[in-house]
């Protein structure tokens, strides 16, 4: 039995026929498939955030977040490069509906309020909350600060399978291309091709599009990524880079790439700072201030200030536990998890602690774990 009922456009209700009906039928089928498998939506988000170049700009962050020279001069924070950088960040954040406040003492900083990184709130500073492009930019910022509604799922997908390994391979290749001599055409092309194959392999993993082994050059096979890394190291040693690199240095740089991209939040932060030329405007530190009133909870960004800081800080990365720390009772949850892991580890080593012993030690154990995270539970948390 066939169903000859006309296909209607899901938004307008208008009846469709012919090619339009076939195309709409395909769209509806894909939408239903995504609805039946919510994880496919999460996988697609991870791919879009990290592997897709934006069509209009060709850049790796949403166009609404791109550095725009015409906004670099601002009435706020005038006088220093550090101040101008914060002024532009302030402009970008506010244009995406985030509540911010300037900090002038004891040093220049910018605070971003946690509640404004969620759904639009009353009194939002953005004029274009309904602009899809601005919403995409705000989603990017929410994931960067570890506050995307499905952040746990995003991080789980990133950690699973080979997604993180492929992404770090891609970022490592791009890093090498920046230091290799332009005369080394063959090696640069090899790196570029590896980036393309890593993206294709990630698309196959995350969007379930079938790719042949030729398309991914074996990156998805067991040991495929490690084999490609070894080949890169061998070729790099014989290529003329601006600085002659030994193999140990290359592996060290790859380790740095993995640290800077240890989580989805850190990967997005790394891309964001690259766009804003972090070598000129590095982040000195960032803190999170919790409060019993949610509207006062905030992140505060402290950039490097040559007038105050003796040395340029190393690359800034968030705590791997960022998404837990910023939640209600986040520190307590982390400490509780550490305690559970401690007892579980003892059990695996063959030692069983009776309930009486646990009850006697638990408060001291939690205090010990907490001391490794913060000095004062009521003080701002260093991220």
Protein backbone atom coordinates (compact mmCIF):
# COMPACT_ATOMS: atom_id res chain seq x y z
CA UNK A 1 0.00 0.00 0.00
CA UNK A 2 1.37 3.43 -0.88
CA UNK A 3 0.73 6.75 0.81
CA UNK A 4 -0.28 9.31 -1.84
CA UNK A 5 -0.97 12.12 0.61
CA UNK A 6 0.69 15.38 -0.48
CA UNK A 7 3.84 16.45 1.34
CA UNK A 8 3.53 19.78 3.16
CA UNK A 9 6.27 22.26 3.94
CA UNK A 10 6.93 21.95 7.71
CA UNK A 11 6.97 25.72 8.25
CA UNK A 12 4.34 27.10 5.87
CA UNK A 13 2.06 24.09 5.50
CA UNK A 14 2.03 24.62 1.74
CA UNK A 15 1.53 21.46 -0.35
CA UNK A 16 4.56 20.46 -2.41
CA UNK A 17 4.89 18.29 -5.47
CA UNK A 18 7.50 17.00 -7.88
CA UNK A 19 11.19 17.64 -7.12
CA UNK A 20 10.34 19.99 -4.25
CA UNK A 21 8.35 17.23 -2.58
CA UNK A 22 11.20 14.73 -2.99
CA UNK A 23 13.72 17.15 -1.51
CA UNK A 24 11.45 18.03 1.41
CA UNK A 25 10.77 14.35 2.04
CA UNK A 26 14.51 13.80 2.33
CA UNK A 27 14.86 16.75 4.75
CA UNK A 28 12.02 15.45 6.93
CA UNK A 29 13.51 11.94 6.93
CA UNK A 30 16.90 13.27 8.07
CA UNK A 31 15.26 15.38 10.76
CA UNK A 32 13.34 12.38 12.10
CA UNK A 33 16.53 10.33 12.10
CA UNK A 34 18.30 12.99 14.19
CA UNK A 35 15.34 13.18 16.58
CA UNK A 36 15.43 9.40 17.07
CA UNK A 37 19.18 9.51 17.70
CA UNK A 38 19.93 12.63 19.79
CA UNK A 39 23.61 11.69 19.92
CA UNK A 40 23.87 12.34 16.18
CA UNK A 41 23.02 15.99 16.88
CA UNK A 42 25.82 16.19 19.45
CA UNK A 43 28.31 14.59 17.08
CA UNK A 44 27.34 17.06 14.36
CA UNK A 45 27.83 19.98 16.78
CA UNK A 46 31.33 18.74 17.67
CA UNK A 47 32.21 18.49 13.98
CA UNK A 48 30.82 21.95 13.22
CA UNK A 49 32.63 23.55 16.16
CA UNK A 50 36.05 22.05 15.54
CA UNK A 51 36.43 20.74 12.00
CA UNK A 52 34.21 22.89 9.76
CA UNK A 53 35.49 26.08 8.23
CA UNK A 54 32.84 28.76 8.03
CA UNK A 55 31.82 29.19 4.41
CA UNK A 56 31.72 32.99 4.34
CA UNK A 57 35.01 33.69 6.11
CA UNK A 58 37.01 30.50 5.71
CA UNK A 59 37.96 30.86 9.39
CA UNK A 60 37.54 28.43 12.25
CA UNK A 61 35.44 30.59 14.57
CA UNK A 62 32.00 32.10 13.81
CA UNK A 63 32.19 35.27 11.66
CA UNK A 64 30.49 37.39 14.35
CA UNK A 65 33.45 36.67 16.66
CA UNK A 66 36.16 37.59 14.18
CA UNK A 67 38.62 40.35 15.04
CA UNK A 68 37.55 43.58 13.37
CA UNK A 69 40.10 46.39 13.22
CA UNK A 70 37.45 49.11 13.06
CA UNK A 71 36.41 48.29 16.65
CA UNK A 72 39.86 48.22 18.18
CA UNK A 73 39.59 51.82 19.36
CA UNK A 74 37.06 52.19 22.14
CA UNK A 75 36.08 54.72 24.79
CA UNK A 76 36.73 52.10 27.49
CA UNK A 77 40.20 51.06 28.68
CA UNK A 78 42.07 53.60 26.57
CA UNK A 79 45.82 54.05 26.82
CA UNK A 80 47.36 50.55 26.71
CA UNK A 81 47.35 47.64 24.29
CA UNK A 82 46.03 45.51 27.16
CA UNK A 83 43.14 47.96 27.59
CA UNK A 84 42.31 48.04 23.90
CA UNK A 85 42.25 44.25 23.78
CA UNK A 86 39.79 44.13 26.69
CA UNK A 87 37.70 46.87 25.09
CA UNK A 88 37.30 44.82 21.95
CA UNK A 89 36.49 41.65 23.89
CA UNK A 90 33.87 43.68 25.73
CA UNK A 91 32.38 44.80 22.42
CA UNK A 92 32.23 41.24 21.07
CA UNK A 93 30.74 39.78 24.25
CA UNK A 94 28.08 42.47 24.59
CA UNK A 95 27.10 42.19 20.93
CA UNK A 96 26.28 38.52 21.63
CA UNK A 97 24.07 39.27 24.62
CA UNK A 98 26.60 38.70 27.40
CA UNK A 99 26.57 40.90 30.50
CA UNK A 100 30.00 42.28 31.27
CA UNK A 101 31.68 44.75 33.60
CA UNK A 102 35.04 46.49 33.44
CA UNK A 103 37.55 46.00 36.24
CA UNK A 104 40.10 48.78 36.72
CA UNK A 105 41.69 47.92 40.08
CA UNK A 106 44.03 46.43 41.13
CA UNK A 107 44.64 45.75 37.43
CA UNK A 108 42.67 45.91 34.21
CA UNK A 109 40.32 42.97 33.68
CA UNK A 110 36.94 42.11 32.18
CA UNK A 111 34.19 40.18 33.94
CA UNK A 112 31.61 38.07 32.07
CA UNK A 113 28.51 37.01 33.99
CA UNK A 114 27.69 33.33 33.92
CA UNK A 115 23.90 33.66 33.65
CA UNK A 116 24.18 35.67 30.42
CA UNK A 117 25.99 32.77 28.72
CA UNK A 118 22.81 30.70 28.90
CA UNK A 119 19.44 31.49 27.40
CA UNK A 120 18.61 35.13 26.67
CA UNK A 121 17.77 36.98 29.87
CA UNK A 122 15.76 40.07 30.58
CA UNK A 123 17.87 43.18 30.13
CA UNK A 124 20.19 41.51 27.63
CA UNK A 125 22.66 43.92 26.07
CA UNK A 126 22.40 42.37 22.62
CA UNK A 127 20.27 44.01 19.97
CA UNK A 128 20.25 40.93 17.77
CA UNK A 129 19.39 38.03 20.07
CA UNK A 130 17.23 36.54 17.32
CA UNK A 131 19.99 36.77 14.71
CA UNK A 132 20.99 33.15 13.86
CA UNK A 133 24.59 34.22 13.19
CA UNK A 134 24.84 35.92 16.58
CA UNK A 135 23.20 32.92 18.27
CA UNK A 136 25.80 30.65 16.67
CA UNK A 137 28.51 32.91 18.05
CA UNK A 138 26.91 32.83 21.50
CA UNK A 139 26.69 29.02 21.39
CA UNK A 140 30.41 28.97 20.60
CA UNK A 141 31.16 31.19 23.61
CA UNK A 142 28.94 29.10 25.88
CA UNK A 143 30.82 25.93 24.88
CA UNK A 144 34.14 27.77 25.30
CA UNK A 145 33.27 28.62 28.93
CA UNK A 146 31.99 25.07 29.55
CA UNK A 147 28.35 26.16 29.83
CA UNK A 148 26.74 24.78 26.68
CA UNK A 149 23.48 22.96 27.61
CA UNK A 150 24.93 19.67 26.30
CA UNK A 151 28.52 20.33 27.43
CA UNK A 152 28.92 16.91 29.08
CA UNK A 153 27.82 15.19 25.88
CA UNK A 154 30.14 17.38 23.75
CA UNK A 155 33.11 16.49 25.94
CA UNK A 156 32.17 12.80 25.94
CA UNK A 157 32.03 12.67 22.13
CA UNK A 158 35.33 14.55 21.88
CA UNK A 159 37.02 12.07 24.25
CA UNK A 160 35.49 9.00 22.62
CA UNK A 161 36.85 7.00 19.73
CA UNK A 162 39.57 8.89 17.81
CA UNK A 163 38.00 12.35 17.61
CA UNK A 164 40.49 14.12 19.90
CA UNK A 165 43.45 12.31 18.30
CA UNK A 166 42.34 13.41 14.82
CA UNK A 167 41.80 16.98 15.94
CA UNK A 168 45.22 17.19 17.63
CA UNK A 169 46.83 15.72 14.51
CA UNK A 170 45.14 18.41 12.43
CA UNK A 171 46.23 21.23 14.78
CA UNK A 172 49.79 19.87 14.90
CA UNK A 173 50.02 19.90 11.10
CA UNK A 174 48.80 23.48 10.98
CA UNK A 175 51.34 24.45 13.60
CA UNK A 176 54.18 22.88 11.60
CA UNK A 177 53.05 24.63 8.42
CA UNK A 178 53.54 27.99 10.14
CA UNK A 179 57.23 27.30 10.86
CA UNK A 180 58.20 25.45 7.69
CA UNK A 181 59.99 27.29 4.92
CA UNK A 182 57.79 28.18 1.96
CA UNK A 183 60.44 26.56 -0.24
CA UNK A 184 59.56 23.16 1.23
CA UNK A 185 56.58 22.76 -1.07
CA UNK A 186 56.38 18.96 -0.92
CA UNK A 187 56.39 18.80 2.90
CA UNK A 188 53.88 21.63 3.24
CA UNK A 189 51.59 19.87 0.77
CA UNK A 190 51.96 16.64 2.74
CA UNK A 191 50.89 18.46 5.91
CA UNK A 192 47.95 20.09 4.16
CA UNK A 193 46.86 16.75 2.74
CA UNK A 194 47.06 15.20 6.22
CA UNK A 195 44.80 17.98 7.56
CA UNK A 196 42.26 17.24 4.83
CA UNK A 197 42.37 13.50 5.53
CA UNK A 198 41.98 14.09 9.27
CA UNK A 199 38.90 16.24 8.60
CA UNK A 200 37.46 13.57 6.30
CA UNK A 201 38.07 10.89 8.93
CA UNK A 202 36.41 13.05 11.60
CA UNK A 203 33.42 13.62 9.33
CA UNK A 204 33.14 9.87 8.88
CA UNK A 205 33.21 9.32 12.66
CA UNK A 206 30.93 12.17 13.67
CA UNK A 207 28.38 12.37 10.86
CA UNK A 208 28.39 8.68 9.93
CA UNK A 209 29.22 9.46 6.31
CA UNK A 210 30.90 6.49 4.69
CA UNK A 211 34.50 7.13 3.64
CA UNK A 212 36.89 4.73 1.95
CA UNK A 213 40.32 3.95 3.35
CA UNK A 214 41.74 5.95 0.43
CA UNK A 215 39.82 9.03 1.58
CA UNK A 216 41.23 8.79 5.11
CA UNK A 217 44.54 7.10 4.19
CA UNK A 218 44.17 4.59 7.00
CA UNK A 219 43.87 7.16 9.81
CA UNK A 220 40.90 5.28 11.27
CA UNK A 221 42.68 1.95 11.33
CA UNK A 222 44.36 0.69 14.50
CA UNK A 223 47.60 2.62 14.92
CA UNK A 224 46.89 4.76 11.85
CA UNK A 225 47.24 8.13 13.57
CA UNK A 226 50.43 7.12 15.39
CA UNK A 227 51.94 5.89 12.11
CA UNK A 228 51.12 9.21 10.41
CA UNK A 229 52.71 11.13 13.29
CA UNK A 230 55.92 9.13 12.98
CA UNK A 231 55.98 9.83 9.25
CA UNK A 232 55.52 13.55 9.90
CA UNK A 233 58.42 13.53 12.37
CA UNK A 234 60.70 11.78 9.87
CA UNK A 235 59.83 14.18 7.07
CA UNK A 236 60.09 17.23 9.32
CA UNK A 237 63.64 16.36 10.38
CA UNK A 238 64.72 16.41 6.75
CA UNK A 239 62.88 19.61 5.85
CA UNK A 240 64.16 23.17 6.12
CA UNK A 241 62.12 24.81 8.88
CA UNK A 242 62.82 28.27 10.24
CA UNK A 243 64.28 26.57 13.32
CA UNK A 244 65.94 23.19 12.96
CA UNK A 245 63.92 20.83 15.12
CA UNK A 246 65.01 17.54 16.57
CA UNK A 247 62.51 14.72 16.84
CA UNK A 248 62.25 15.15 20.63
CA UNK A 249 61.31 18.80 20.11
CA UNK A 250 58.65 17.83 17.60
CA UNK A 251 57.10 15.34 20.02
CA UNK A 252 57.25 17.98 22.73
CA UNK A 253 55.35 20.38 20.46
CA UNK A 254 52.76 17.68 19.75
CA UNK A 255 52.33 17.21 23.52
CA UNK A 256 51.75 20.97 23.85
CA UNK A 257 49.07 20.75 21.16
CA UNK A 258 47.33 17.97 23.08
CA UNK A 259 47.40 20.00 26.31
CA UNK A 260 46.01 23.10 24.60
CA UNK A 261 43.23 20.99 23.12
CA UNK A 262 42.60 18.66 26.06
CA UNK A 263 38.86 19.45 26.16
CA UNK A 264 36.29 21.02 23.84
CA UNK A 265 36.45 24.22 25.94
CA UNK A 266 40.23 24.40 25.60
CA UNK A 267 40.12 23.64 21.87
CA UNK A 268 37.62 26.47 21.29
CA UNK A 269 39.64 28.82 23.51
CA UNK A 270 42.79 28.00 21.51
CA UNK A 271 41.07 28.86 18.22
CA UNK A 272 39.64 32.05 19.71
CA UNK A 273 43.03 33.21 21.01
CA UNK A 274 44.70 32.41 17.68
CA UNK A 275 42.22 34.73 15.98
CA UNK A 276 43.01 37.44 18.53
CA UNK A 277 46.77 36.92 18.21
CA UNK A 278 47.47 35.58 21.68
CA UNK A 279 51.17 36.29 21.22
CA UNK A 280 50.32 40.00 21.51
CA UNK A 281 47.47 39.64 24.00
CA UNK A 282 48.14 36.54 26.15
CA UNK A 283 45.87 35.78 29.08
CA UNK A 284 47.68 36.07 32.40
CA UNK A 285 44.95 34.32 34.39
CA UNK A 286 41.22 33.78 34.65
CA UNK A 287 39.09 33.25 37.74
CA UNK A 288 35.53 32.20 38.47
CA UNK A 289 33.67 33.84 41.34
CA UNK A 290 30.71 31.88 42.67
CA UNK A 291 27.86 33.44 44.63
CA UNK A 292 24.67 32.41 46.39
CA UNK A 293 22.95 34.74 43.89
CA UNK A 294 23.35 33.39 40.36
CA UNK A 295 23.29 36.83 38.73
CA UNK A 296 26.57 37.69 40.47
CA UNK A 297 28.52 34.61 39.39
CA UNK A 298 31.16 35.62 36.89
CA UNK A 299 34.36 34.85 35.00
CA UNK A 300 37.08 37.50 35.16
CA UNK A 301 39.75 37.66 32.46
CA UNK A 302 43.15 39.17 33.33
CA UNK A 303 45.35 39.74 30.26
CA UNK A 304 49.11 40.10 30.37
CA UNK A 305 50.11 43.70 31.19
CA UNK A 306 53.70 44.61 30.33
CA UNK A 307 53.61 47.42 32.89
CA UNK A 308 52.85 45.01 35.75
CA UNK A 309 54.01 41.53 34.77
CA UNK A 310 57.68 40.59 34.66
CA UNK A 311 57.37 37.86 32.07
CA UNK A 312 54.97 36.72 29.39
CA UNK A 313 52.84 33.84 30.75
CA UNK A 314 52.72 30.38 29.15
CA UNK A 315 49.74 29.44 26.99
CA UNK A 316 46.58 29.70 29.06
CA UNK A 317 44.36 26.63 29.30
CA UNK A 318 41.27 25.95 31.38
CA UNK A 319 41.14 23.32 34.09
CA UNK A 320 39.99 20.01 32.58
CA UNK A 321 37.20 20.09 35.19
CA UNK A 322 35.99 23.56 34.09
CA UNK A 323 32.41 22.46 33.41
CA UNK A 324 32.12 20.98 36.91
CA UNK A 325 33.81 23.83 38.79
CA UNK A 326 31.38 26.43 37.45
CA UNK A 327 28.25 24.51 38.44
CA UNK A 328 26.35 24.91 41.69
CA UNK A 329 28.36 23.18 44.45
CA UNK A 330 30.88 22.30 41.75
CA UNK A 331 33.91 22.00 44.05
CA UNK A 332 32.03 19.75 46.44
CA UNK A 333 31.06 17.48 43.55
CA UNK A 334 34.65 17.26 42.33
CA UNK A 335 35.92 16.45 45.83
CA UNK A 336 33.21 13.84 46.27
CA UNK A 337 34.26 12.23 42.99
CA UNK A 338 37.91 12.26 44.06
CA UNK A 339 37.00 10.54 47.33
CA UNK A 340 34.98 7.87 45.52
CA UNK A 341 37.89 7.29 43.15
CA UNK A 342 40.27 6.97 46.12
CA UNK A 343 38.22 4.22 47.80
CA UNK A 344 37.68 2.47 44.47
CA UNK A 345 41.43 2.49 43.80
CA UNK A 346 42.12 0.97 47.22
CA UNK A 347 39.59 -1.76 46.53
CA UNK A 348 41.26 -2.61 43.21
CA UNK A 349 44.55 -2.94 45.11
CA UNK A 350 42.95 -5.53 47.38
CA UNK A 351 42.20 -3.37 50.42
CA UNK A 352 38.62 -3.13 51.69
CA UNK A 353 37.86 -0.23 54.04
CA UNK A 354 35.02 -0.89 56.47
CA UNK A 355 32.27 1.73 56.87
CA UNK A 356 33.49 2.80 60.30
CA UNK A 357 36.95 3.62 58.94
CA UNK A 358 35.46 5.51 56.00
CA UNK A 359 33.26 7.64 58.25
CA UNK A 360 36.25 8.52 60.43
CA UNK A 361 38.46 9.54 57.51
CA UNK A 362 36.02 11.07 55.01
CA UNK A 363 36.08 14.66 56.33
CA UNK A 364 39.89 14.71 56.54
CA UNK A 365 40.19 13.14 53.09
CA UNK A 366 37.83 15.67 51.50
CA UNK A 367 39.65 18.56 53.19
CA UNK A 368 42.93 17.23 51.79
CA UNK A 369 41.54 16.96 48.24
CA UNK A 370 39.97 20.41 48.49
CA UNK A 371 43.31 21.93 49.54
CA UNK A 372 44.73 20.88 46.18
CA UNK A 373 42.02 22.81 44.34
CA UNK A 374 41.61 26.05 46.32
CA UNK A 375 43.04 27.66 49.44
CA UNK A 376 39.67 29.07 50.43
CA UNK A 377 36.36 27.62 49.24
CA UNK A 378 34.85 31.12 49.36
CA UNK A 379 37.64 32.70 47.30
CA UNK A 380 37.56 32.93 43.48
CA UNK A 381 38.65 29.76 41.71
CA UNK A 382 41.70 29.94 39.45
CA UNK A 383 40.69 28.42 36.13
